[in-house]
C-alpha atoms as a PDB file:
ATOM      1  CA  MET A   1     -38.763   1.517  34.179  1.00  0.00           C
ATOM      2  CA  SER A   2     -37.125   0.453  37.409  1.00  0.00           C
ATOM      3  CA  ALA A   3     -33.683   1.644  38.441  1.00  0.00           C
ATOM      4  CA  GLU A   4     -32.410  -1.937  38.408  1.00  0.00           C
ATOM      5  CA  ARG A   5     -33.580  -2.503  34.815  1.00  0.00           C
ATOM      6  CA  ARG A   6     -32.035   0.808  33.738  1.00  0.00           C
ATOM      7  CA  GLN A   7     -28.695  -0.219  35.297  1.00  0.00           C
ATOM      8  CA  LYS A   8     -28.790  -3.562  33.444  1.00  0.00           C
ATOM      9  CA  ILE A   9     -29.434  -1.804  30.116  1.00  0.00           C
ATOM     10  CA  ILE A  10     -26.579   0.643  30.742  1.00  0.00           C
ATOM     11  CA  LEU A  11     -24.252  -2.255  31.647  1.00  0.00           C
ATOM     12  CA  VAL A  12     -25.176  -4.140  28.456  1.00  0.00           C
ATOM     13  CA  LEU A  13     -24.632  -1.018  26.322  1.00  0.00           C
ATOM     14  CA  MET A  14     -21.265  -0.294  27.952  1.00  0.00           C
ATOM     15  CA  THR A  15     -20.206  -3.914  27.364  1.00  0.00           C
ATOM     16  CA  LEU A  16     -21.182  -3.655  23.684  1.00  0.00           C
ATOM     17  CA  VAL A  17     -19.271  -0.384  23.259  1.00  0.00           C
ATOM     18  CA  ALA A  18     -16.194  -1.898  24.929  1.00  0.00           C
ATOM     19  CA  ALA A  19     -16.387  -4.953  22.643  1.00  0.00           C
ATOM     20  CA  VAL A  20     -16.575  -2.747  19.544  1.00  0.00           C
ATOM     21  CA  VAL A  21     -13.621  -0.629  20.687  1.00  0.00           C
ATOM     22  CA  ILE A  22     -11.474  -3.676  21.475  1.00  0.00           C
ATOM     23  CA  SER A  23     -12.371  -5.356  18.168  1.00  0.00           C
ATOM     24  CA  THR A  24     -11.457  -2.217  16.255  1.00  0.00           C
ATOM     25  CA  LEU A  25      -8.095  -1.972  18.006  1.00  0.00           C
ATOM     26  CA  VAL A  26      -7.300  -5.643  17.351  1.00  0.00           C
ATOM     27  CA  ILE A  27      -8.174  -5.357  13.659  1.00  0.00           C
ATOM     28  CA  ALA A  28      -6.242  -2.095  13.257  1.00  0.00           C
ATOM     29  CA  SER A  29      -3.132  -3.497  14.898  1.00  0.00           C
ATOM     30  CA  ALA A  30      -3.170  -6.770  12.928  1.00  0.00           C
ATOM     31  CA  GLY A  31      -0.840  -5.367  10.261  1.00  0.00           C
ATOM     32  CA  CYS A  32       1.554  -3.680  12.689  1.00  0.00           C
ATOM     33  CA  GLY A  33       5.124  -4.873  12.572  1.00  0.00           C
ATOM     34  CA  GLU A  34       5.045  -5.668   8.872  1.00  0.00           C
ATOM     35  CA  LYS A  35       7.179  -3.590   6.554  1.00  0.00           C
ATOM     36  CA  ALA A  36       5.091  -1.543   4.161  1.00  0.00           C
ATOM     37  CA  GLY A  37       5.731  -2.167   0.503  1.00  0.00           C
ATOM     38  CA  VAL A  38       5.059  -4.548  -2.342  1.00  0.00           C
ATOM     39  CA  SER A  39       5.428  -8.317  -2.069  1.00  0.00           C
ATOM     40  CA  ALA A  40       7.380 -10.335  -4.622  1.00  0.00           C
ATOM     41  CA  GLU A  41       4.159 -12.142  -5.537  1.00  0.00           C
ATOM     42  CA  LYS A  42       2.365  -8.909  -6.451  1.00  0.00           C
ATOM     43  CA  TYR A  43       5.390  -7.489  -8.245  1.00  0.00           C
ATOM     44  CA  ALA A  44       5.691 -10.654 -10.360  1.00  0.00           C
ATOM     45  CA  GLN A  45       2.230  -9.921 -11.782  1.00  0.00           C
ATOM     46  CA  VAL A  46       3.433  -6.717 -13.481  1.00  0.00           C
ATOM     47  CA  GLU A  47       3.898  -7.238 -17.226  1.00  0.00           C
ATOM     48  CA  LYS A  48       5.266  -5.122 -20.049  1.00  0.00           C
ATOM     49  CA  GLY A  49       2.471  -3.263 -21.795  1.00  0.00           C
ATOM     50  CA  MET A  50       0.351  -2.723 -18.665  1.00  0.00           C
ATOM     51  CA  THR A  51      -1.001   0.808 -18.246  1.00  0.00           C
ATOM     52  CA  LEU A  52      -0.285   3.193 -15.387  1.00  0.00           C
ATOM     53  CA  ASP A  53      -3.782   2.574 -14.020  1.00  0.00           C
ATOM     54  CA  GLN A  54      -3.383  -1.214 -14.174  1.00  0.00           C
ATOM     55  CA  VAL A  55      -0.092  -1.110 -12.258  1.00  0.00           C
ATOM     56  CA  GLU A  56      -1.467   1.306  -9.670  1.00  0.00           C
ATOM     57  CA  GLY A  57      -4.540  -0.891  -9.274  1.00  0.00           C
ATOM     58  CA  LEU A  58      -2.300  -3.907  -8.636  1.00  0.00           C
ATOM     59  CA  LEU A  59       0.470  -2.355  -6.503  1.00  0.00           C
ATOM     60  CA  GLY A  60      -1.020   0.869  -5.196  1.00  0.00           C
ATOM     61  CA  THR A  61       0.514   4.329  -5.312  1.00  0.00           C
ATOM     62  CA  PRO A  62       4.304   4.258  -5.797  1.00  0.00           C
ATOM     63  CA  ALA A  63       6.591   5.305  -2.939  1.00  0.00           C
ATOM     64  CA  ARG A  64       8.289   7.783  -5.320  1.00  0.00           C
ATOM     65  CA  SER A  65       8.278   8.647  -8.982  1.00  0.00           C
ATOM     66  CA  HIS A  66       9.966  10.895 -11.509  1.00  0.00           C
ATOM     67  CA  ARG A  67       9.893  11.773 -15.209  1.00  0.00           C
ATOM     68  CA  THR A  68      12.722  11.929 -17.694  1.00  0.00           C
ATOM     69  CA  GLY A  69      12.927  12.814 -21.342  1.00  0.00           C
ATOM     70  CA  PRO A  70      10.870  15.221 -23.431  1.00  0.00           C
ATOM     71  CA  SER A  71       7.842  16.817 -21.807  1.00  0.00           C
ATOM     72  CA  GLN A  72       5.594  15.675 -24.686  1.00  0.00           C
ATOM     73  CA  ASN A  73       6.444  11.995 -24.218  1.00  0.00           C
ATOM     74  CA  PRO A  74       8.354  11.462 -20.956  1.00  0.00           C
ATOM     75  CA  THR A  75       9.543   8.212 -19.497  1.00  0.00           C
ATOM     76  CA  ILE A  76       7.849   7.822 -16.134  1.00  0.00           C
ATOM     77  CA  ILE A  77       9.660   5.868 -13.437  1.00  0.00           C
ATOM     78  CA  TRP A  78       7.826   4.483 -10.424  1.00  0.00           C
ATOM     79  CA  TYR A  79       9.594   3.063  -7.372  1.00  0.00           C
ATOM     80  CA  TYR A  80       8.051   0.746  -4.814  1.00  0.00           C
ATOM     81  CA  ASP A  81       9.534  -0.357  -1.508  1.00  0.00           C
ATOM     82  CA  LYS A  82       9.895  -4.101  -1.029  1.00  0.00           C
ATOM     83  CA  THR A  83       8.145  -5.831   1.843  1.00  0.00           C
ATOM     84  CA  SER A  84      11.408  -7.644   2.557  1.00  0.00           C
ATOM     85  CA  GLY A  85      15.048  -6.981   1.772  1.00  0.00           C
ATOM     86  CA  GLU A  86      16.795  -3.840   0.653  1.00  0.00           C
ATOM     87  CA  GLY A  87      16.422  -1.723  -2.467  1.00  0.00           C
ATOM     88  CA  LEU A  88      13.494  -0.584  -4.519  1.00  0.00           C
ATOM     89  CA  LEU A  89      11.302  -2.160  -7.141  1.00  0.00           C
ATOM     90  CA  LYS A  90      11.431  -0.040 -10.307  1.00  0.00           C
ATOM     91  CA  ILE A  91       8.906   0.175 -13.141  1.00  0.00           C
ATOM     92  CA  ALA A  92       9.472   2.359 -16.213  1.00  0.00           C
ATOM     93  CA  PHE A  93       6.636   3.542 -18.448  1.00  0.00           C
ATOM     94  CA  GLU A  94       6.909   4.808 -22.023  1.00  0.00           C
ATOM     95  CA  ASN A  95       3.780   6.026 -23.784  1.00  0.00           C
ATOM     96  CA  ALA A  96       1.970   5.373 -20.460  1.00  0.00           C
ATOM     97  CA  LYS A  97       2.685   1.610 -20.653  1.00  0.00           C
ATOM     98  CA  VAL A  98       5.199  -0.557 -18.797  1.00  0.00           C
ATOM     99  CA  SER A  99       8.416  -0.734 -20.791  1.00  0.00           C
ATOM    100  CA  ASN A 100      10.871  -2.033 -18.187  1.00  0.00           C
ATOM    101  CA  ILE A 101      10.601  -3.908 -14.898  1.00  0.00           C
ATOM    102  CA  SER A 102      13.595  -3.993 -12.550  1.00  0.00           C
ATOM    103  CA  PRO A 103      13.267  -6.163  -9.459  1.00  0.00           C
ATOM    104  CA  TYR A 104      16.085  -4.423  -7.582  1.00  0.00           C
ATOM    105  CA  ASP A 105      17.330  -0.878  -7.912  1.00  0.00           C
ATOM    106  CA  THR A 106      19.882   0.831  -5.681  1.00  0.00           C
ATOM    107  CA  SER A 107      20.450   3.877  -7.886  1.00  0.00           C
ATOM    108  CA  VAL A 108      17.824   5.905  -6.016  1.00  0.00           C
ATOM    109  CA  ASN A 109      18.357   7.264  -2.548  1.00  0.00           C
ATOM    110  CA  PRO A 110      15.232   6.282  -0.615  1.00  0.00           C
ATOM    111  CA  ASP A 111      15.524   9.455   1.489  1.00  0.00           C
ATOM    112  CA  GLU A 112      15.092  11.769  -1.516  1.00  0.00           C
END
């Protein structure tokens, strides 16, 4: 193989690698600048009676959670950040199913 042909192949390979790197950076940065959290559209799909797994499948892992009540049958509270506005979205579970949906909750300090 001639030196000129080898240089052309190296140039083509370097161009391909650069294109892949740039594409990856563009795709990765596409979501930058958006506030993480749950949109109102997604949150509106939560219904009483849904299971923990169904809610997590729809909204993802909650930003924070806690349990109250007896250890045998606790009430589980999940909090999600909103994508816009202040406050938290709150979902309460009893017997591992949604029992209460609160679109705005300021009773929890987001820094805790």
